[in-house]
N, C-alpha and C. Protein backbone atom coordinates (compact mmCIF):
# COMPACT_ATOMS: atom_id res chain seq x y z
N UNK A 1 0.78 -1.22 -0.04
CA UNK A 1 0.01 0.04 0.01
C UNK A 1 0.93 1.28 0.01
N UNK A 2 0.54 2.18 -0.83
CA UNK A 2 1.29 3.38 -0.92
C UNK A 2 0.90 4.35 0.23
N UNK A 3 1.83 5.17 0.53
CA UNK A 3 1.69 6.23 1.60
C UNK A 3 1.39 7.54 1.00
N UNK A 4 1.82 7.87 -0.15
CA UNK A 4 1.61 9.12 -0.82
C UNK A 4 1.36 8.93 -2.24
N UNK A 5 0.39 9.79 -2.78
CA UNK A 5 -0.08 9.61 -4.19
C UNK A 5 0.06 10.83 -4.91
N UNK A 6 0.36 10.78 -6.30
CA UNK A 6 0.30 11.89 -7.18
C UNK A 6 -1.16 12.30 -7.49
N UNK A 7 -1.27 13.53 -8.13
CA UNK A 7 -2.64 13.90 -8.51
C UNK A 7 -3.20 13.02 -9.55
N UNK A 8 -2.35 12.49 -10.43
CA UNK A 8 -2.70 11.53 -11.47
C UNK A 8 -3.26 10.24 -10.91
N UNK A 9 -2.45 9.69 -9.78
CA UNK A 9 -2.95 8.54 -9.23
C UNK A 9 -4.21 8.65 -8.44
N UNK A 10 -4.40 9.82 -7.81
CA UNK A 10 -5.64 10.18 -7.13
C UNK A 10 -6.79 10.13 -8.12
N UNK A 11 -6.55 10.76 -9.33
CA UNK A 11 -7.62 10.90 -10.37
C UNK A 11 -8.00 9.48 -10.82
N UNK A 12 -7.05 8.62 -10.96
CA UNK A 12 -7.38 7.19 -11.38
C UNK A 12 -8.17 6.50 -10.30
N UNK A 13 -7.74 6.62 -9.12
CA UNK A 13 -8.36 5.94 -8.09
C UNK A 13 -9.80 6.41 -7.81
N UNK A 14 -10.04 7.74 -7.88
CA UNK A 14 -11.41 8.33 -7.59
C UNK A 14 -12.22 8.43 -8.84
N UNK A 15 -11.58 8.03 -10.05
CA UNK A 15 -12.38 8.08 -11.26
C UNK A 15 -12.84 9.56 -11.59
N UNK A 16 -11.97 10.54 -11.43
CA UNK A 16 -12.23 11.90 -11.74
C UNK A 16 -11.06 12.41 -12.57
N UNK A 17 -11.16 13.60 -13.14
CA UNK A 17 -10.06 14.08 -13.98
C UNK A 17 -8.92 14.61 -13.02
N UNK A 18 -7.76 14.64 -13.58
CA UNK A 18 -6.61 15.12 -12.80
C UNK A 18 -6.88 16.69 -12.51
N UNK A 19 -7.50 17.44 -13.39
CA UNK A 19 -7.82 18.84 -13.16
C UNK A 19 -8.75 18.93 -11.90
N UNK A 20 -9.69 18.05 -11.83
CA UNK A 20 -10.60 18.07 -10.68
C UNK A 20 -9.88 17.84 -9.35
N UNK A 21 -8.86 16.92 -9.40
CA UNK A 21 -8.03 16.66 -8.21
C UNK A 21 -7.24 17.93 -7.85
N UNK A 22 -6.66 18.57 -8.84
CA UNK A 22 -5.83 19.83 -8.63
C UNK A 22 -6.74 20.96 -8.03
N UNK A 23 -7.89 21.03 -8.58
CA UNK A 23 -8.89 22.07 -8.09
C UNK A 23 -9.32 21.83 -6.68
N UNK A 24 -9.53 20.57 -6.33
CA UNK A 24 -9.85 20.18 -5.00
C UNK A 24 -8.65 20.38 -4.11
N UNK A 25 -7.46 20.04 -4.48
CA UNK A 25 -6.28 20.30 -3.71
C UNK A 25 -6.06 21.91 -3.39
N UNK A 26 -6.19 22.61 -4.55
CA UNK A 26 -5.85 24.14 -4.45
C UNK A 26 -7.01 24.76 -3.62
N UNK A 27 -8.24 24.22 -3.55
CA UNK A 27 -9.31 24.76 -2.74
C UNK A 27 -9.21 24.33 -1.31
N UNK A 28 -8.48 23.34 -1.00
CA UNK A 28 -8.39 22.83 0.31
C UNK A 28 -9.32 21.65 0.65
N UNK A 29 -10.04 21.23 -0.37
CA UNK A 29 -11.05 20.12 -0.06
C UNK A 29 -10.24 18.80 -0.05
N UNK A 30 -8.99 18.76 -0.66
CA UNK A 30 -8.09 17.62 -0.65
C UNK A 30 -6.90 18.00 -0.02
N UNK A 31 -6.50 17.40 1.15
CA UNK A 31 -5.29 17.79 1.96
C UNK A 31 -4.13 17.06 1.34
N UNK A 32 -2.97 17.89 1.38
CA UNK A 32 -1.78 17.29 0.91
C UNK A 32 -0.68 18.30 0.98
N UNK A 33 0.36 18.12 0.20
CA UNK A 33 1.52 19.10 0.30
C UNK A 33 2.13 19.18 -1.09
N UNK A 34 2.92 20.32 -1.35
CA UNK A 34 3.59 20.49 -2.59
C UNK A 34 4.99 20.01 -2.34
N UNK A 35 5.54 19.41 -3.40
CA UNK A 35 6.99 18.95 -3.41
C UNK A 35 7.79 20.24 -3.40
N UNK A 36 8.70 20.37 -2.44
CA UNK A 36 9.51 21.59 -2.37
C UNK A 36 10.26 21.89 -3.62
N UNK A 37 10.19 23.12 -4.08
CA UNK A 37 10.89 23.53 -5.33
C UNK A 37 10.18 23.16 -6.56
N UNK A 38 8.90 22.73 -6.55
CA UNK A 38 8.19 22.40 -7.69
C UNK A 38 6.71 22.72 -7.56
N UNK A 39 5.96 22.42 -8.63
CA UNK A 39 4.51 22.68 -8.69
C UNK A 39 3.78 21.38 -8.34
N UNK A 40 4.48 20.30 -8.13
CA UNK A 40 3.93 18.99 -7.92
C UNK A 40 3.21 18.95 -6.53
N UNK A 41 2.03 18.27 -6.61
CA UNK A 41 1.29 18.09 -5.43
C UNK A 41 1.27 16.64 -4.99
N UNK A 42 1.23 16.39 -3.71
CA UNK A 42 1.21 14.95 -3.24
C UNK A 42 0.14 14.76 -2.19
N UNK A 43 -0.55 13.66 -2.17
CA UNK A 43 -1.62 13.51 -1.30
C UNK A 43 -1.26 12.35 -0.42
N UNK A 44 -1.21 12.42 1.01
CA UNK A 44 -1.01 11.25 1.89
C UNK A 44 -2.25 10.37 1.85
N UNK A 45 -1.96 9.10 2.06
CA UNK A 45 -3.00 7.97 2.07
C UNK A 45 -4.24 8.43 2.93
N UNK A 46 -3.95 8.86 4.17
CA UNK A 46 -5.05 9.21 5.06
C UNK A 46 -5.88 10.35 4.52
N UNK A 47 -5.27 11.33 3.84
CA UNK A 47 -6.04 12.43 3.36
C UNK A 47 -6.84 11.97 2.08
N UNK A 48 -6.30 11.07 1.24
CA UNK A 48 -7.12 10.54 0.20
C UNK A 48 -8.31 9.72 0.68
N UNK A 49 -8.11 8.92 1.72
CA UNK A 49 -9.27 8.19 2.28
C UNK A 49 -10.36 9.17 2.74
N UNK A 50 -9.97 10.23 3.43
CA UNK A 50 -10.86 11.15 3.99
C UNK A 50 -11.63 11.83 2.85
N UNK A 51 -10.92 12.25 1.77
CA UNK A 51 -11.45 12.90 0.65
C UNK A 51 -12.52 11.95 -0.05
N UNK A 52 -12.13 10.72 -0.17
CA UNK A 52 -13.09 9.75 -0.80
C UNK A 52 -14.35 9.59 0.07
N UNK A 53 -14.22 9.51 1.40
CA UNK A 53 -15.40 9.37 2.31
C UNK A 53 -16.18 10.61 2.15
N UNK A 54 -15.62 11.76 2.28
CA UNK A 54 -16.29 13.07 2.18
C UNK A 54 -17.15 13.27 0.94
N UNK A 55 -16.57 12.61 -0.22
CA UNK A 55 -17.32 12.75 -1.44
C UNK A 55 -18.07 11.55 -1.89
N UNK A 56 -18.20 10.67 -0.98
CA UNK A 56 -19.05 9.35 -1.25
C UNK A 56 -18.40 8.56 -2.40
N UNK A 57 -17.06 8.59 -2.56
CA UNK A 57 -16.42 7.88 -3.58
C UNK A 57 -16.07 6.51 -2.95
N UNK A 58 -16.43 5.42 -3.53
CA UNK A 58 -16.17 4.02 -2.93
C UNK A 58 -14.64 3.83 -2.79
N UNK A 59 -14.32 3.19 -1.66
CA UNK A 59 -12.95 2.91 -1.46
C UNK A 59 -12.44 1.64 -2.13
N UNK A 60 -13.40 0.94 -2.90
CA UNK A 60 -13.03 -0.27 -3.49
C UNK A 60 -11.82 -0.19 -4.42
N UNK A 61 -11.74 0.89 -5.30
CA UNK A 61 -10.67 0.93 -6.27
C UNK A 61 -9.33 1.14 -5.53
N UNK A 62 -9.30 1.85 -4.48
CA UNK A 62 -8.05 1.97 -3.68
C UNK A 62 -7.57 0.73 -3.13
N UNK A 63 -8.51 -0.19 -2.90
CA UNK A 63 -8.05 -1.48 -2.28
C UNK A 63 -7.88 -2.63 -3.30
N UNK A 64 -8.84 -2.69 -4.26
CA UNK A 64 -8.78 -3.83 -5.13
C UNK A 64 -7.96 -3.59 -6.37
N UNK A 65 -7.92 -2.38 -6.89
CA UNK A 65 -7.23 -2.14 -8.13
C UNK A 65 -7.93 -2.60 -9.39
N UNK A 66 -9.14 -3.17 -9.20
CA UNK A 66 -9.85 -3.68 -10.45
C UNK A 66 -10.63 -2.57 -10.99
N UNK A 67 -10.89 -2.64 -12.23
CA UNK A 67 -11.63 -1.65 -12.96
C UNK A 67 -13.09 -1.93 -12.82
N UNK A 68 -13.96 -0.93 -12.57
CA UNK A 68 -15.33 -1.11 -12.27
C UNK A 68 -16.15 -1.10 -13.57
N UNK A 69 -17.00 -2.09 -13.78
CA UNK A 69 -17.83 -2.26 -14.94
C UNK A 69 -19.26 -2.22 -14.51
N UNK A 70 -20.16 -1.40 -15.19
CA UNK A 70 -21.58 -1.39 -14.97
C UNK A 70 -22.16 -1.99 -16.22
N UNK A 71 -22.86 -3.24 -16.08
CA UNK A 71 -23.56 -3.76 -17.21
C UNK A 71 -25.05 -3.32 -17.11
N UNK A 72 -25.53 -2.69 -18.18
CA UNK A 72 -26.91 -2.25 -18.25
C UNK A 72 -27.64 -3.06 -19.38
N UNK A 73 -28.50 -3.95 -18.96
CA UNK A 73 -29.20 -4.64 -20.02
C UNK A 73 -30.44 -5.29 -19.23
N UNK A 74 -31.55 -5.38 -19.93
CA UNK A 74 -32.82 -5.99 -19.35
C UNK A 74 -32.91 -7.47 -19.66
N UNK A 75 -31.96 -8.05 -20.40
CA UNK A 75 -32.00 -9.45 -20.67
C UNK A 75 -31.21 -10.25 -19.60
N UNK A 76 -31.85 -10.91 -18.70
CA UNK A 76 -31.16 -11.61 -17.63
C UNK A 76 -30.10 -12.58 -18.08
N UNK A 77 -30.22 -13.26 -19.26
CA UNK A 77 -29.24 -14.19 -19.71
C UNK A 77 -27.96 -13.48 -20.09
N UNK A 78 -28.05 -12.32 -20.70
CA UNK A 78 -26.87 -11.56 -21.13
C UNK A 78 -26.20 -11.01 -19.91
N UNK A 79 -26.98 -10.44 -18.95
CA UNK A 79 -26.36 -9.97 -17.78
C UNK A 79 -25.63 -11.01 -17.03
N UNK A 80 -26.30 -12.12 -16.79
CA UNK A 80 -25.66 -13.25 -16.06
C UNK A 80 -24.31 -13.74 -16.72
N UNK A 81 -24.40 -13.86 -18.06
CA UNK A 81 -23.14 -14.32 -18.80
C UNK A 81 -22.04 -13.21 -18.69
N UNK A 82 -22.33 -11.99 -18.85
CA UNK A 82 -21.32 -10.94 -18.77
C UNK A 82 -20.75 -10.90 -17.42
N UNK A 83 -21.59 -10.92 -16.31
CA UNK A 83 -21.11 -10.93 -14.98
C UNK A 83 -20.11 -12.01 -14.73
N UNK A 84 -20.51 -13.15 -15.11
CA UNK A 84 -19.73 -14.41 -14.86
C UNK A 84 -18.37 -14.35 -15.48
N UNK A 85 -18.43 -13.96 -16.80
CA UNK A 85 -17.14 -13.95 -17.60
C UNK A 85 -16.25 -12.76 -17.17
N UNK A 86 -16.81 -11.64 -16.86
CA UNK A 86 -15.97 -10.47 -16.44
C UNK A 86 -15.39 -10.71 -15.04
N UNK A 87 -16.18 -11.27 -14.12
CA UNK A 87 -15.60 -11.58 -12.79
C UNK A 87 -14.51 -12.70 -12.86
N UNK A 88 -14.65 -13.69 -13.79
CA UNK A 88 -13.76 -14.75 -13.96
C UNK A 88 -12.42 -14.21 -14.55
N UNK A 89 -12.57 -13.21 -15.33
CA UNK A 89 -11.32 -12.54 -15.96
C UNK A 89 -10.39 -12.00 -14.86
N UNK A 90 -10.99 -11.51 -13.86
CA UNK A 90 -10.20 -11.15 -12.66
C UNK A 90 -9.78 -9.64 -12.61
N UNK A 91 -9.94 -8.96 -13.75
CA UNK A 91 -9.52 -7.58 -13.75
C UNK A 91 -10.63 -6.55 -13.52
N UNK A 92 -11.95 -7.03 -13.33
CA UNK A 92 -13.08 -6.27 -13.18
C UNK A 92 -13.97 -6.52 -12.03
N UNK A 93 -14.55 -5.44 -11.53
CA UNK A 93 -15.55 -5.60 -10.54
C UNK A 93 -16.92 -5.17 -11.18
N UNK A 94 -17.83 -5.94 -11.07
CA UNK A 94 -19.12 -5.80 -11.85
C UNK A 94 -20.29 -5.45 -11.09
N UNK A 95 -21.17 -4.54 -11.53
CA UNK A 95 -22.45 -4.30 -10.99
C UNK A 95 -23.41 -4.30 -12.24
N UNK A 96 -24.69 -4.40 -11.91
CA UNK A 96 -25.61 -4.50 -13.10
C UNK A 96 -26.84 -3.62 -12.76
N UNK A 97 -27.45 -3.19 -13.80
CA UNK A 97 -28.71 -2.48 -13.77
C UNK A 97 -29.60 -2.98 -14.98
N UNK A 98 -30.95 -2.90 -14.76
CA UNK A 98 -31.75 -3.41 -15.81
C UNK A 98 -32.65 -2.34 -16.51
N UNK A 99 -32.42 -1.13 -16.06
CA UNK A 99 -33.16 0.06 -16.71
C UNK A 99 -32.27 1.32 -16.76
N UNK A 100 -32.57 2.26 -17.52
CA UNK A 100 -31.86 3.47 -17.63
C UNK A 100 -31.80 4.22 -16.32
N UNK A 101 -32.99 4.18 -15.53
CA UNK A 101 -33.10 4.84 -14.28
C UNK A 101 -32.02 4.24 -13.33
N UNK A 102 -32.01 2.92 -13.19
CA UNK A 102 -31.04 2.26 -12.29
C UNK A 102 -29.60 2.55 -12.76
N UNK A 103 -29.39 2.58 -14.13
CA UNK A 103 -28.09 2.90 -14.53
C UNK A 103 -27.63 4.26 -14.04
N UNK A 104 -28.52 5.23 -14.13
CA UNK A 104 -28.14 6.53 -13.61
C UNK A 104 -27.76 6.49 -12.12
N UNK A 105 -28.55 5.85 -11.28
CA UNK A 105 -28.22 5.79 -9.92
C UNK A 105 -26.89 5.06 -9.66
N UNK A 106 -26.73 3.89 -10.32
CA UNK A 106 -25.47 3.23 -10.11
C UNK A 106 -24.23 3.84 -10.66
N UNK A 107 -24.38 4.66 -11.70
CA UNK A 107 -23.34 5.47 -12.32
C UNK A 107 -22.85 6.39 -11.16
N UNK A 108 -23.79 7.00 -10.54
CA UNK A 108 -23.38 8.01 -9.53
C UNK A 108 -22.74 7.35 -8.28
N UNK A 109 -23.43 6.25 -7.83
CA UNK A 109 -22.93 5.57 -6.63
C UNK A 109 -21.61 4.64 -6.81
N UNK A 110 -21.64 3.87 -7.95
CA UNK A 110 -20.60 2.95 -8.15
C UNK A 110 -19.35 3.55 -8.86
N UNK A 111 -19.66 4.65 -9.68
CA UNK A 111 -18.59 5.29 -10.44
C UNK A 111 -17.75 4.35 -11.25
N UNK A 112 -18.45 3.69 -12.27
CA UNK A 112 -17.76 2.71 -13.13
C UNK A 112 -16.72 3.35 -13.89
N UNK A 113 -15.73 2.54 -14.39
CA UNK A 113 -14.82 2.96 -15.36
C UNK A 113 -15.33 2.69 -16.76
N UNK A 114 -16.21 1.65 -16.92
CA UNK A 114 -16.79 1.28 -18.25
C UNK A 114 -18.27 1.01 -17.95
N UNK A 115 -19.07 1.49 -18.86
CA UNK A 115 -20.54 1.06 -18.84
C UNK A 115 -20.82 0.23 -20.13
N UNK A 116 -21.25 -0.96 -19.99
CA UNK A 116 -21.71 -1.80 -21.17
C UNK A 116 -23.21 -1.60 -21.18
N UNK A 117 -23.71 -0.87 -22.17
CA UNK A 117 -25.07 -0.29 -22.25
C UNK A 117 -25.85 -0.79 -23.38
N UNK A 118 -26.93 -1.47 -23.12
CA UNK A 118 -27.86 -1.94 -24.16
C UNK A 118 -28.66 -0.71 -24.67
N UNK A 119 -28.88 -0.68 -25.96
CA UNK A 119 -29.52 0.40 -26.54
C UNK A 119 -31.06 0.45 -26.25
N UNK A 120 -31.71 -0.77 -26.25
CA UNK A 120 -33.11 -0.78 -26.00
C UNK A 120 -33.37 -1.27 -24.56
N UNK A 121 -33.64 -0.26 -23.73
CA UNK A 121 -34.03 -0.57 -22.29
C UNK A 121 -35.49 -0.33 -22.10
N UNK A 122 -36.09 -0.93 -20.99
CA UNK A 122 -37.55 -0.87 -20.85
C UNK A 122 -38.01 0.61 -20.64
N UNK A 123 -37.25 1.44 -20.03
CA UNK A 123 -37.80 2.85 -19.73
C UNK A 123 -37.25 3.88 -20.69
N UNK A 124 -35.98 3.94 -20.98
CA UNK A 124 -35.41 4.91 -21.94
C UNK A 124 -34.36 4.27 -22.72
N UNK A 125 -34.08 4.78 -23.93
CA UNK A 125 -33.03 4.23 -24.69
C UNK A 125 -31.64 4.56 -24.21
N UNK A 126 -30.74 3.63 -24.65
CA UNK A 126 -29.34 3.87 -24.25
C UNK A 126 -28.69 5.07 -24.60
N UNK A 127 -29.22 5.70 -25.80
CA UNK A 127 -28.54 6.98 -26.11
C UNK A 127 -28.94 8.12 -25.16
N UNK A 128 -30.04 8.04 -24.51
CA UNK A 128 -30.48 8.97 -23.53
C UNK A 128 -29.54 8.81 -22.25
N UNK A 129 -29.37 7.62 -21.88
CA UNK A 129 -28.43 7.26 -20.78
C UNK A 129 -27.02 7.79 -21.08
N UNK A 130 -26.56 7.54 -22.29
CA UNK A 130 -25.24 7.93 -22.71
C UNK A 130 -25.12 9.45 -22.68
N UNK A 131 -26.09 10.22 -23.17
CA UNK A 131 -26.03 11.68 -23.11
C UNK A 131 -26.05 12.17 -21.75
N UNK A 132 -26.85 11.49 -20.78
CA UNK A 132 -26.88 11.97 -19.46
C UNK A 132 -25.56 11.77 -18.82
N UNK A 133 -24.94 10.65 -19.02
CA UNK A 133 -23.56 10.43 -18.43
C UNK A 133 -22.56 11.43 -18.94
N UNK A 134 -22.58 11.67 -20.22
CA UNK A 134 -21.69 12.64 -20.85
C UNK A 134 -21.92 14.11 -20.45
N UNK A 135 -23.13 14.38 -20.01
CA UNK A 135 -23.43 15.78 -19.62
C UNK A 135 -22.89 16.10 -18.22
N UNK A 136 -22.39 15.08 -17.47
CA UNK A 136 -21.91 15.30 -16.12
C UNK A 136 -20.40 15.27 -16.12
N UNK A 137 -19.71 16.49 -15.77
CA UNK A 137 -18.21 16.42 -15.84
C UNK A 137 -17.57 15.47 -14.88
N UNK A 138 -18.24 15.09 -13.82
CA UNK A 138 -17.74 14.10 -12.88
C UNK A 138 -17.47 12.70 -13.61
N UNK A 139 -18.24 12.51 -14.72
CA UNK A 139 -18.08 11.21 -15.32
C UNK A 139 -17.52 11.11 -16.71
N UNK A 140 -16.62 12.16 -16.85
CA UNK A 140 -15.88 12.37 -18.16
C UNK A 140 -14.98 11.16 -18.39
N UNK A 141 -14.52 10.51 -17.41
CA UNK A 141 -13.53 9.43 -17.58
C UNK A 141 -14.22 8.11 -17.99
N UNK A 142 -15.50 8.02 -17.81
CA UNK A 142 -16.25 6.75 -18.03
C UNK A 142 -16.24 6.39 -19.57
N UNK A 143 -15.87 5.15 -19.84
CA UNK A 143 -15.99 4.74 -21.23
C UNK A 143 -17.32 3.95 -21.33
N UNK A 144 -17.98 4.17 -22.54
CA UNK A 144 -19.26 3.63 -22.82
C UNK A 144 -19.30 2.82 -23.99
N UNK A 145 -19.59 1.55 -23.84
CA UNK A 145 -19.81 0.63 -24.97
C UNK A 145 -21.28 0.28 -25.17
N UNK A 146 -21.79 0.65 -26.20
CA UNK A 146 -23.28 0.44 -26.47
C UNK A 146 -23.42 -0.91 -27.22
N UNK A 147 -24.39 -1.71 -26.81
CA UNK A 147 -24.61 -2.96 -27.51
C UNK A 147 -26.10 -2.95 -27.95
N UNK A 148 -26.40 -3.60 -29.11
CA UNK A 148 -27.67 -3.73 -29.53
C UNK A 148 -27.78 -4.71 -30.69
N UNK A 149 -28.90 -5.40 -30.81
CA UNK A 149 -29.16 -6.28 -31.94
C UNK A 149 -30.13 -5.63 -32.96
N UNK A 150 -30.63 -4.39 -32.60
CA UNK A 150 -31.65 -3.85 -33.52
C UNK A 150 -31.34 -2.52 -34.06
N UNK A 151 -30.26 -1.90 -33.77
CA UNK A 151 -29.85 -0.63 -34.31
C UNK A 151 -29.48 -0.66 -35.76
N UNK A 152 -30.00 0.17 -36.54
CA UNK A 152 -29.65 0.27 -37.97
C UNK A 152 -28.35 1.26 -38.10
N UNK A 153 -27.76 1.34 -39.24
CA UNK A 153 -26.54 2.22 -39.43
C UNK A 153 -26.85 3.70 -38.89
N UNK A 154 -27.93 4.26 -39.19
CA UNK A 154 -28.19 5.61 -38.85
C UNK A 154 -28.30 5.78 -37.26
N UNK A 155 -28.94 4.67 -36.66
CA UNK A 155 -29.03 4.75 -35.24
C UNK A 155 -27.60 4.58 -34.61
N UNK A 156 -26.80 3.77 -35.23
CA UNK A 156 -25.43 3.51 -34.65
C UNK A 156 -24.66 4.90 -34.70
N UNK A 157 -24.86 5.67 -35.70
CA UNK A 157 -24.21 7.00 -35.81
C UNK A 157 -24.71 7.98 -34.66
N UNK A 158 -26.06 7.88 -34.44
CA UNK A 158 -26.62 8.64 -33.39
C UNK A 158 -26.06 8.28 -32.04
N UNK A 159 -25.85 7.00 -31.81
CA UNK A 159 -25.33 6.51 -30.59
C UNK A 159 -23.89 7.03 -30.34
N UNK A 160 -23.19 7.00 -31.48
CA UNK A 160 -21.80 7.43 -31.26
C UNK A 160 -21.72 8.91 -31.07
N UNK A 161 -22.65 9.60 -31.70
CA UNK A 161 -22.74 11.08 -31.49
C UNK A 161 -23.23 11.38 -30.06
N UNK A 162 -24.00 10.46 -29.43
CA UNK A 162 -24.40 10.71 -28.07
C UNK A 162 -23.26 10.57 -27.02
N UNK A 163 -22.08 10.15 -27.57
CA UNK A 163 -20.89 10.00 -26.66
C UNK A 163 -20.47 8.61 -26.38
N UNK A 164 -20.97 7.62 -27.05
CA UNK A 164 -20.48 6.31 -26.93
C UNK A 164 -19.01 6.12 -27.45
N UNK A 165 -18.20 5.38 -26.81
CA UNK A 165 -16.80 5.08 -27.25
C UNK A 165 -16.77 3.97 -28.21
N UNK A 166 -17.75 3.06 -28.20
CA UNK A 166 -17.79 1.92 -29.16
C UNK A 166 -19.26 1.40 -29.23
N UNK A 167 -19.43 0.66 -30.29
CA UNK A 167 -20.71 0.02 -30.47
C UNK A 167 -20.44 -1.39 -30.92
N UNK A 168 -21.09 -2.41 -30.30
CA UNK A 168 -21.10 -3.78 -30.74
C UNK A 168 -22.39 -4.29 -30.96
N UNK A 169 -22.64 -4.99 -32.05
CA UNK A 169 -23.92 -5.57 -32.46
C UNK A 169 -24.04 -6.98 -31.84
N UNK A 170 -25.28 -7.15 -31.30
CA UNK A 170 -25.59 -8.45 -30.70
C UNK A 170 -25.99 -9.35 -31.88
N UNK A 171 -25.62 -10.61 -31.88
CA UNK A 171 -24.79 -11.26 -30.85
C UNK A 171 -23.31 -10.82 -31.13
N UNK A 172 -22.54 -10.73 -30.15
CA UNK A 172 -21.13 -10.28 -30.14
C UNK A 172 -20.28 -11.34 -29.52
N UNK A 173 -18.99 -11.33 -29.91
CA UNK A 173 -18.06 -12.20 -29.25
C UNK A 173 -17.63 -11.61 -27.88
N UNK A 174 -17.83 -12.34 -26.89
CA UNK A 174 -17.44 -11.91 -25.52
C UNK A 174 -16.06 -11.48 -25.49
N UNK A 175 -15.11 -12.28 -26.07
CA UNK A 175 -13.72 -11.83 -26.13
C UNK A 175 -13.46 -10.50 -26.70
N UNK A 176 -14.15 -10.21 -27.78
CA UNK A 176 -14.06 -8.92 -28.42
C UNK A 176 -14.50 -7.84 -27.44
N UNK A 177 -15.56 -8.02 -26.66
CA UNK A 177 -16.05 -7.06 -25.69
C UNK A 177 -15.07 -6.83 -24.55
N UNK A 178 -14.51 -7.99 -24.06
CA UNK A 178 -13.57 -7.88 -22.97
C UNK A 178 -12.28 -7.24 -23.44
N UNK A 179 -11.77 -7.60 -24.64
CA UNK A 179 -10.62 -6.92 -25.12
C UNK A 179 -10.79 -5.37 -25.34
N UNK A 180 -12.00 -5.04 -25.91
CA UNK A 180 -12.15 -3.56 -26.10
C UNK A 180 -12.33 -2.87 -24.78
N UNK A 181 -12.97 -3.39 -23.80
CA UNK A 181 -12.97 -2.78 -22.47
C UNK A 181 -11.57 -2.58 -21.95
N UNK A 182 -10.80 -3.71 -21.98
CA UNK A 182 -9.38 -3.63 -21.58
C UNK A 182 -8.61 -2.46 -22.24
N UNK A 183 -8.79 -2.34 -23.55
CA UNK A 183 -8.15 -1.34 -24.30
C UNK A 183 -8.55 0.04 -23.81
N UNK A 184 -9.88 0.22 -23.68
CA UNK A 184 -10.42 1.57 -23.22
C UNK A 184 -9.97 2.02 -21.93
N UNK A 185 -9.83 1.11 -20.92
CA UNK A 185 -9.37 1.44 -19.57
C UNK A 185 -7.97 1.14 -19.23
N UNK A 186 -7.26 0.59 -20.24
CA UNK A 186 -5.80 0.32 -20.22
C UNK A 186 -5.50 -0.66 -19.02
N UNK A 187 -6.12 -1.83 -18.98
CA UNK A 187 -5.82 -2.94 -18.04
C UNK A 187 -5.19 -4.12 -18.73
């Protein structure tokens, strides 16, 4: 376990941008110190934990080092398969949602690194969820992979314009999805 973190490491752990970390440091919301003779900031372990608690940021990433994945799909078979295979992979911690509403709540609480998002959800379409995530600066780091079996080429363009990082058509190869997730979050 590290005793002192850089602003970049804090950004990765908290799933926020490095600029946000610097702003929090400079405003006094994140306690730390400057390296003498430089502009570099350092954050002690205890200060990082307090900052995470104060801002309701899960401590999981600090301890596990796994990338967080939110799977959003209303098909129980797909959700079960993805959860099983992603957890077996060992690099991911997985939570699930079956509606756009639940996806919004879990995005805020779980702070995923990646959202695997079905386009056709029971309450709202995935492009609305995607736009909502993209409209919040706290979530700028989140990678979004939209999946669908019914989207035509024009809809795929709309999805990408809504802020998706990638699109996979159902049925897809699970290895292709896992590899793409790993590329997007560099694990």
